[in-house]
Every structure is written in C-alpha cells, then in structure tokens.
Amino acid sequence: MGGFASVPADPSRRVQVISAGYSRTGTVSMSLALGKLLDGPALHGGTQLMEREDGYSKTWVKAFAAKTAGDRETTLKHLRNLTAGFVAVADGPPIHFIPELLELYPDAKVVLVRRDPQRWWASFMGPVNKGKPWWYGIIFLPIPGWRHLKSVTDELSRSALRLAGVTDAEMGDLLELHNNMVRSLVPRGQLLEMDISEGWEPLCKFLGVPVPDEPFPRANDAKALEEYAKKVIRKALGVWVGIISVAGVTIYSGVWLWRNK
C-alpha cells in the first residue's frame, strides 16, 4: 500500500495524532509523514489489514460488531489493543471510530485532509466500478489477513452509511458529511485542516516540530493497492497449487494403496 505494516515494539506509546481524512485523501502519504515527524510507527489501516496476522484483522471485525451492538466498553477494549504502541492512525478502519479514539486519546491532535469532493468521489469509486471476480473471496482463503478482508470492508461500508445517514443516491456527499462530523467532534485547537499539496509546513507548525529536510511523502493509494493485490494474488495462487498438489498426491496414494492391499 505504500505504508508499513508493523507490530509496535513499545506498546506503552500512545496515539498522538489521528489522521481523520477519509480514504483516498492521501492517507498513505499522511501516515508516512506522521511516522517520520513523531519518530514511531503510524497505523495505516489498509496496510495493516492486508499485511498483519489473522488475529489483528479479526479484532477489527470484533470492534465493529461491538460498536454496532452499542457495547462501548468492548469497543474501547478492542481499539486500545489495536492501537497500542502506535503514534498515529490513518485511513479505515480507524476513521470509523473517531469518537472512541478521542475518548481513548483525549489529548491527540487531529488532522483532516481536504480534497475536491468530485475528484475524491471518482477516485473512491474507481476500484468499486471495476468490480471483482467471483473467485476473489475464495482465492484469498489461505492468506492470513486477506481472508478476512471482505468482512472488514463490508463493515466499513455499513459503518459509512450509518455514520453519514445517507441513501445510496446521496453517497457522493459522503466526504463532506464525514468532514463535518469530524469538525463537530474535535475542539478547534486540536484540529488542523489542510491540503496534502501544502506539504510539511502546516503539519509541522501544528505539531510543533521542525520541518524535515526532505520532500513530503507522495504515495498513490490506488496504484499501490492494485500492485499489492496482484502480488497477493500470485502468492495465493502458489498456495493453492501447493494445496491441490498435496491433495492430489494424497488421493492418488490412497487409491493405489486401496487397489494393492
């Protein structure tokens, strides 16, 4: 995806910044920038889901289920475990838990990346409009993390609709509805709104840190996701070849033994 999946070495570190911009607003670039500025691991939700172990993805599903059920304590418990040791969070699933994250980390600063709604909608809907073959859900079954991706993305979609309270016909307004929700939750002094094109300056000023002597990270979320998906598909096909080969040998051996007993 362009970010880095990791298991934080120091679970006592706390989230200092919540990058609350919706997916496709430069979330990978922002997570890389925050990791650099805060000198620690930044949780980019998409990257973590696709590269971490099964248990991590399952816990996100449990967090969604607890939130849907109105079980605040269980939701906070899962979020605390999922974010322990990270200095920042970005992208989904974290952006669907803004109120809970603010409860867990009340001193965290919040960054909201703005983007033109029409260009965002075209980018956001691009992968959806391409569609996915029927075998996608099957081929990823042997791959930890990815086997739960459909469950998590389904929860993301349902959460977005619940959050925005809109119909399918109004989904094009989702970005601004999300941004307004963030604005309503975060005290003015804790919130920075910026365009990703502004680079380091507003972000560093907001966090009170020096401007790095290097370019601001630039990552194409959609292209990175597509390339990563191709890599995982190749890996999954290799695993299936192994499974089928072992099954074939086992069946052949069983038949041979039965015929020659």
Protein backbone atom coordinates (compact mmCIF):
# COMPACT_ATOMS: atom_id res chain seq x y z
CA MET A 1 0.00 0.00 0.00
CA GLY A 2 2.93 2.34 0.40
CA GLY A 3 2.89 2.36 4.19
CA PHE A 4 4.43 -0.16 6.53
CA ALA A 5 2.63 -2.85 8.48
CA SER A 6 4.22 -3.38 11.87
CA VAL A 7 3.84 -4.71 15.38
CA PRO A 8 4.93 -1.82 17.62
CA ALA A 9 7.97 -2.64 19.73
CA ASP A 10 6.84 -0.42 22.61
CA PRO A 11 3.13 -0.97 23.40
CA SER A 12 3.22 1.81 26.01
CA ARG A 13 3.42 4.52 23.33
CA ARG A 14 0.14 6.34 22.75
CA VAL A 15 -1.59 7.77 19.72
CA GLN A 16 -0.57 11.42 19.40
CA VAL A 17 -2.23 12.21 16.07
CA ILE A 18 -5.43 10.97 14.44
CA SER A 19 -5.35 11.47 10.68
CA ALA A 20 -9.11 11.67 10.22
CA GLY A 21 -9.28 12.20 6.46
CA TYR A 22 -11.45 9.73 4.59
CA SER A 23 -9.85 7.02 2.44
CA ARG A 24 -8.42 8.37 -0.85
CA THR A 25 -7.41 11.70 0.67
CA GLY A 26 -3.70 10.92 0.83
CA THR A 27 -3.88 8.62 3.85
CA VAL A 28 -0.73 6.68 2.95
CA SER A 29 1.27 9.89 2.45
CA MET A 30 -0.03 11.25 5.76
CA SER A 31 0.80 8.07 7.68
CA LEU A 32 4.35 8.10 6.29
CA ALA A 33 4.73 11.80 7.19
CA LEU A 34 3.43 11.30 10.73
CA GLY A 35 5.68 8.30 11.27
CA LYS A 36 8.63 10.48 10.29
CA LEU A 37 7.65 13.50 12.41
CA LEU A 38 6.68 11.52 15.52
CA ASP A 39 9.53 9.02 15.23
CA GLY A 40 7.34 5.97 15.65
CA PRO A 41 5.01 3.53 13.92
CA ALA A 42 1.92 5.01 12.27
CA LEU A 43 -1.08 2.75 11.79
CA HIS A 44 -2.35 2.94 8.21
CA GLY A 45 -5.48 0.82 8.41
CA GLY A 46 -5.44 -0.59 4.89
CA THR A 47 -1.81 -1.64 5.08
CA GLN A 48 -2.22 -3.25 8.49
CA LEU A 49 -5.28 -5.25 7.41
CA MET A 50 -3.53 -6.60 4.34
CA GLU A 51 -0.18 -7.46 5.87
CA ARG A 52 -0.78 -8.30 9.53
CA GLU A 53 -1.74 -11.64 11.06
CA ASP A 54 -5.23 -13.14 11.16
CA GLY A 55 -5.88 -12.15 14.76
CA TYR A 56 -5.38 -8.46 14.02
CA SER A 57 -7.98 -8.41 11.25
CA LYS A 58 -10.41 -10.47 13.34
CA THR A 59 -10.13 -7.94 16.17
CA TRP A 60 -11.22 -5.13 13.84
CA VAL A 61 -14.28 -7.19 12.91
CA LYS A 62 -14.99 -7.65 16.64
CA ALA A 63 -14.59 -3.90 17.23
CA PHE A 64 -17.15 -3.14 14.52
CA ALA A 65 -19.53 -5.74 15.95
CA ALA A 66 -19.21 -4.27 19.44
CA LYS A 67 -19.83 -0.73 18.18
CA THR A 68 -22.87 -1.86 16.19
CA ALA A 69 -24.22 -3.57 19.32
CA GLY A 70 -23.71 -0.41 21.37
CA ASP A 71 -21.17 -2.13 23.62
CA ARG A 72 -18.93 0.84 24.40
CA GLU A 73 -16.58 -0.91 26.85
CA THR A 74 -15.84 -3.80 24.49
CA THR A 75 -15.36 -1.40 21.58
CA LEU A 76 -12.84 0.64 23.57
CA LYS A 77 -11.06 -2.52 24.74
CA HIS A 78 -10.55 -3.72 21.17
CA LEU A 79 -9.47 -0.27 19.96
CA ARG A 80 -7.00 0.02 22.83
CA ASN A 81 -5.40 -3.28 21.81
CA LEU A 82 -5.45 -2.46 18.10
CA THR A 83 -3.77 0.93 18.51
CA ALA A 84 -1.36 0.18 21.38
CA GLY A 85 2.17 1.34 20.57
CA PHE A 86 1.23 3.40 17.52
CA VAL A 87 1.94 7.14 17.50
CA ALA A 88 -0.64 7.91 14.81
CA VAL A 89 -3.56 6.31 12.98
CA ALA A 90 -4.95 6.89 9.48
CA ASP A 91 -7.44 5.52 6.95
CA GLY A 92 -10.15 2.93 7.57
CA PRO A 93 -10.96 1.22 9.84
CA PRO A 94 -9.68 3.86 12.37
CA ILE A 95 -11.59 6.74 10.77
CA HIS A 96 -14.85 4.93 11.60
CA PHE A 97 -14.02 5.12 15.30
CA ILE A 98 -13.23 8.84 15.70
CA PRO A 99 -15.40 9.37 18.83
CA GLU A 100 -13.94 6.28 20.51
CA LEU A 101 -10.36 7.21 19.60
CA LEU A 102 -10.88 10.67 21.06
CA GLU A 103 -12.16 9.05 24.24
CA LEU A 104 -9.10 6.81 24.45
CA TYR A 105 -6.66 9.58 23.47
CA PRO A 106 -8.26 12.89 24.51
CA ASP A 107 -5.03 14.86 24.00
CA ALA A 108 -4.44 13.56 20.47
CA LYS A 109 -4.31 16.14 17.71
CA VAL A 110 -6.49 15.57 14.67
CA VAL A 111 -5.57 16.25 11.04
CA LEU A 112 -8.27 16.45 8.40
CA VAL A 113 -7.03 16.39 4.82
CA ARG A 114 -9.30 18.22 2.40
CA ARG A 115 -9.89 17.15 -1.19
CA ASP A 116 -12.16 18.26 -4.01
CA PRO A 117 -15.36 16.20 -3.49
CA GLN A 118 -15.88 15.35 -7.17
CA ARG A 119 -12.29 14.24 -7.73
CA TRP A 120 -12.41 12.30 -4.46
CA TRP A 121 -15.63 10.53 -5.46
CA ALA A 122 -14.16 9.48 -8.82
CA SER A 123 -11.07 8.12 -7.05
CA PHE A 124 -13.08 6.45 -4.30
CA MET A 125 -15.49 4.73 -6.69
CA GLY A 126 -12.84 3.69 -9.22
CA PRO A 127 -11.99 0.32 -7.63
CA VAL A 128 -15.68 -0.35 -6.92
CA ASN A 129 -16.70 0.24 -10.53
CA LYS A 130 -14.01 -2.12 -11.78
CA GLY A 131 -15.72 -4.91 -9.90
CA LYS A 132 -14.13 -8.07 -8.58
CA PRO A 133 -14.30 -11.61 -9.99
CA TRP A 134 -16.50 -14.10 -8.13
CA TRP A 135 -13.43 -16.08 -7.10
CA TYR A 136 -11.81 -13.24 -5.12
CA GLY A 137 -13.36 -14.39 -1.84
CA ILE A 138 -12.17 -17.96 -2.42
CA ILE A 139 -8.65 -17.36 -3.65
CA PHE A 140 -7.67 -15.38 -0.54
CA LEU A 141 -8.84 -18.03 1.96
CA PRO A 142 -5.30 -19.40 2.55
CA ILE A 143 -3.82 -15.90 3.09
CA PRO A 144 -3.81 -14.57 6.69
CA GLY A 145 -5.37 -11.13 6.98
CA TRP A 146 -6.73 -11.10 3.45
CA ARG A 147 -9.16 -13.95 4.18
CA HIS A 148 -10.99 -11.51 6.50
CA LEU A 149 -10.76 -8.53 4.15
CA LYS A 150 -14.31 -8.92 2.80
CA SER A 151 -15.76 -8.98 6.33
CA VAL A 152 -13.87 -5.82 7.26
CA THR A 153 -14.68 -3.94 4.04
CA ASP A 154 -18.36 -4.88 4.39
CA GLU A 155 -18.28 -3.40 7.89
CA LEU A 156 -16.57 -0.29 6.55
CA SER A 157 -19.35 0.20 4.01
CA ARG A 158 -22.11 -0.29 6.57
CA SER A 159 -20.35 1.99 9.02
CA ALA A 160 -20.00 4.72 6.40
CA LEU A 161 -23.72 4.61 5.68
CA ARG A 162 -24.65 4.61 9.37
CA LEU A 163 -22.21 7.43 10.05
CA ALA A 164 -23.43 9.63 7.23
CA GLY A 165 -27.09 8.69 7.48
CA VAL A 166 -27.43 8.91 3.71
CA THR A 167 -29.04 6.86 0.99
CA ASP A 168 -27.12 5.36 -1.93
CA ALA A 169 -28.25 8.29 -4.07
CA GLU A 170 -26.59 10.71 -1.64
CA MET A 171 -23.28 8.84 -1.30
CA GLY A 172 -21.48 11.49 -3.33
CA ASP A 173 -21.85 13.77 -0.29
CA LEU A 174 -20.10 11.29 1.99
CA LEU A 175 -16.76 13.13 2.10
CA GLU A 176 -18.23 16.42 3.28
CA LEU A 177 -20.56 14.67 5.71
CA HIS A 178 -17.58 12.84 7.19
CA ASN A 179 -15.55 16.04 7.42
CA ASN A 180 -18.41 17.85 9.15
CA MET A 181 -18.71 15.00 11.63
CA VAL A 182 -15.00 15.33 12.48
CA ARG A 183 -15.32 19.11 12.84
CA SER A 184 -18.24 18.67 15.24
CA LEU A 185 -16.28 16.29 17.48
CA VAL A 186 -12.84 17.90 17.70
CA PRO A 187 -12.13 21.10 19.67
CA ARG A 188 -10.89 23.86 17.36
CA GLY A 189 -7.40 23.99 18.89
CA GLN A 190 -6.90 20.25 18.35
CA LEU A 191 -7.89 20.23 14.67
CA LEU A 192 -5.82 21.03 11.59
CA GLU A 193 -7.43 21.14 8.15
CA MET A 194 -5.00 21.06 5.24
CA ASP A 195 -4.50 20.01 1.64
CA ILE A 196 -1.91 17.32 1.03
CA SER A 197 -0.33 19.65 -1.57
CA GLU A 198 0.66 22.06 1.24
CA GLY A 199 3.37 19.64 2.34
CA TRP A 200 5.27 19.80 5.61
CA GLU A 201 4.72 23.40 6.68
CA PRO A 202 1.19 23.40 8.18
CA LEU A 203 1.62 19.93 9.67
CA CYS A 204 4.95 20.70 11.34
CA LYS A 205 3.67 24.02 12.69
CA PHE A 206 0.58 22.28 14.10
CA LEU A 207 2.68 19.58 15.80
CA GLY A 208 5.44 21.95 16.91
CA VAL A 209 8.23 20.01 15.21
CA PRO A 210 10.98 21.03 12.74
CA VAL A 211 10.38 20.75 9.01
CA PRO A 212 12.34 17.74 7.63
CA ASP A 213 14.98 18.40 5.01
CA GLU A 214 13.35 16.07 2.51
CA PRO A 215 10.28 16.03 0.23
CA PHE A 216 6.87 15.35 1.71
CA PRO A 217 5.91 11.69 1.11
CA ARG A 218 3.87 11.12 -2.02
CA ALA A 219 2.09 7.79 -2.41
CA ASN A 220 -0.57 6.84 -4.93
CA ASP A 221 -3.02 4.86 -2.79
CA ALA A 222 -4.96 3.34 -5.70
CA LYS A 223 -1.89 2.29 -7.70
CA ALA A 224 -0.15 0.89 -4.62
CA LEU A 225 -3.26 -1.12 -3.70
CA GLU A 226 -3.58 -2.54 -7.21
CA GLU A 227 0.08 -3.60 -7.32
CA TYR A 228 -0.11 -5.10 -3.85
CA ALA A 229 -3.28 -7.01 -4.75
CA LYS A 230 -1.53 -8.52 -7.77
CA LYS A 231 1.33 -9.65 -5.54
CA VAL A 232 -1.04 -11.28 -3.06
CA ILE A 233 -2.99 -13.00 -5.86
CA ARG A 234 0.26 -14.52 -7.15
CA LYS A 235 1.06 -15.68 -3.62
CA ALA A 236 -2.45 -17.11 -3.17
CA LEU A 237 -2.26 -18.99 -6.48
CA GLY A 238 1.05 -20.50 -5.38
CA VAL A 239 -0.51 -21.64 -2.11
CA TRP A 240 -3.47 -23.17 -3.94
CA VAL A 241 -1.13 -25.02 -6.32
CA GLY A 242 0.57 -26.50 -3.27
CA ILE A 243 -2.74 -27.43 -1.65
CA ILE A 244 -4.07 -29.06 -4.82
CA SER A 245 -0.79 -30.88 -5.40
CA VAL A 246 -0.76 -32.31 -1.87
CA ALA A 247 -4.43 -33.26 -2.14
CA GLY A 248 -3.78 -34.94 -5.49
CA VAL A 249 -0.84 -36.94 -4.16
CA THR A 250 -2.85 -37.93 -1.07
CA ILE A 251 -5.82 -39.11 -3.14
CA TYR A 252 -3.57 -40.96 -5.61
CA SER A 253 -1.68 -42.68 -2.78
CA GLY A 254 -4.94 -43.66 -1.09
CA VAL A 255 -6.35 -45.15 -4.30
CA TRP A 256 -3.11 -47.01 -5.03
CA LEU A 257 -2.98 -48.48 -1.50
CA TRP A 258 -6.65 -49.50 -1.69
CA ARG A 259 -6.15 -51.25 -5.03
CA ASN A 260 -2.99 -53.02 -3.90
CA LYS A 261 -3.95 -54.04 -0.41
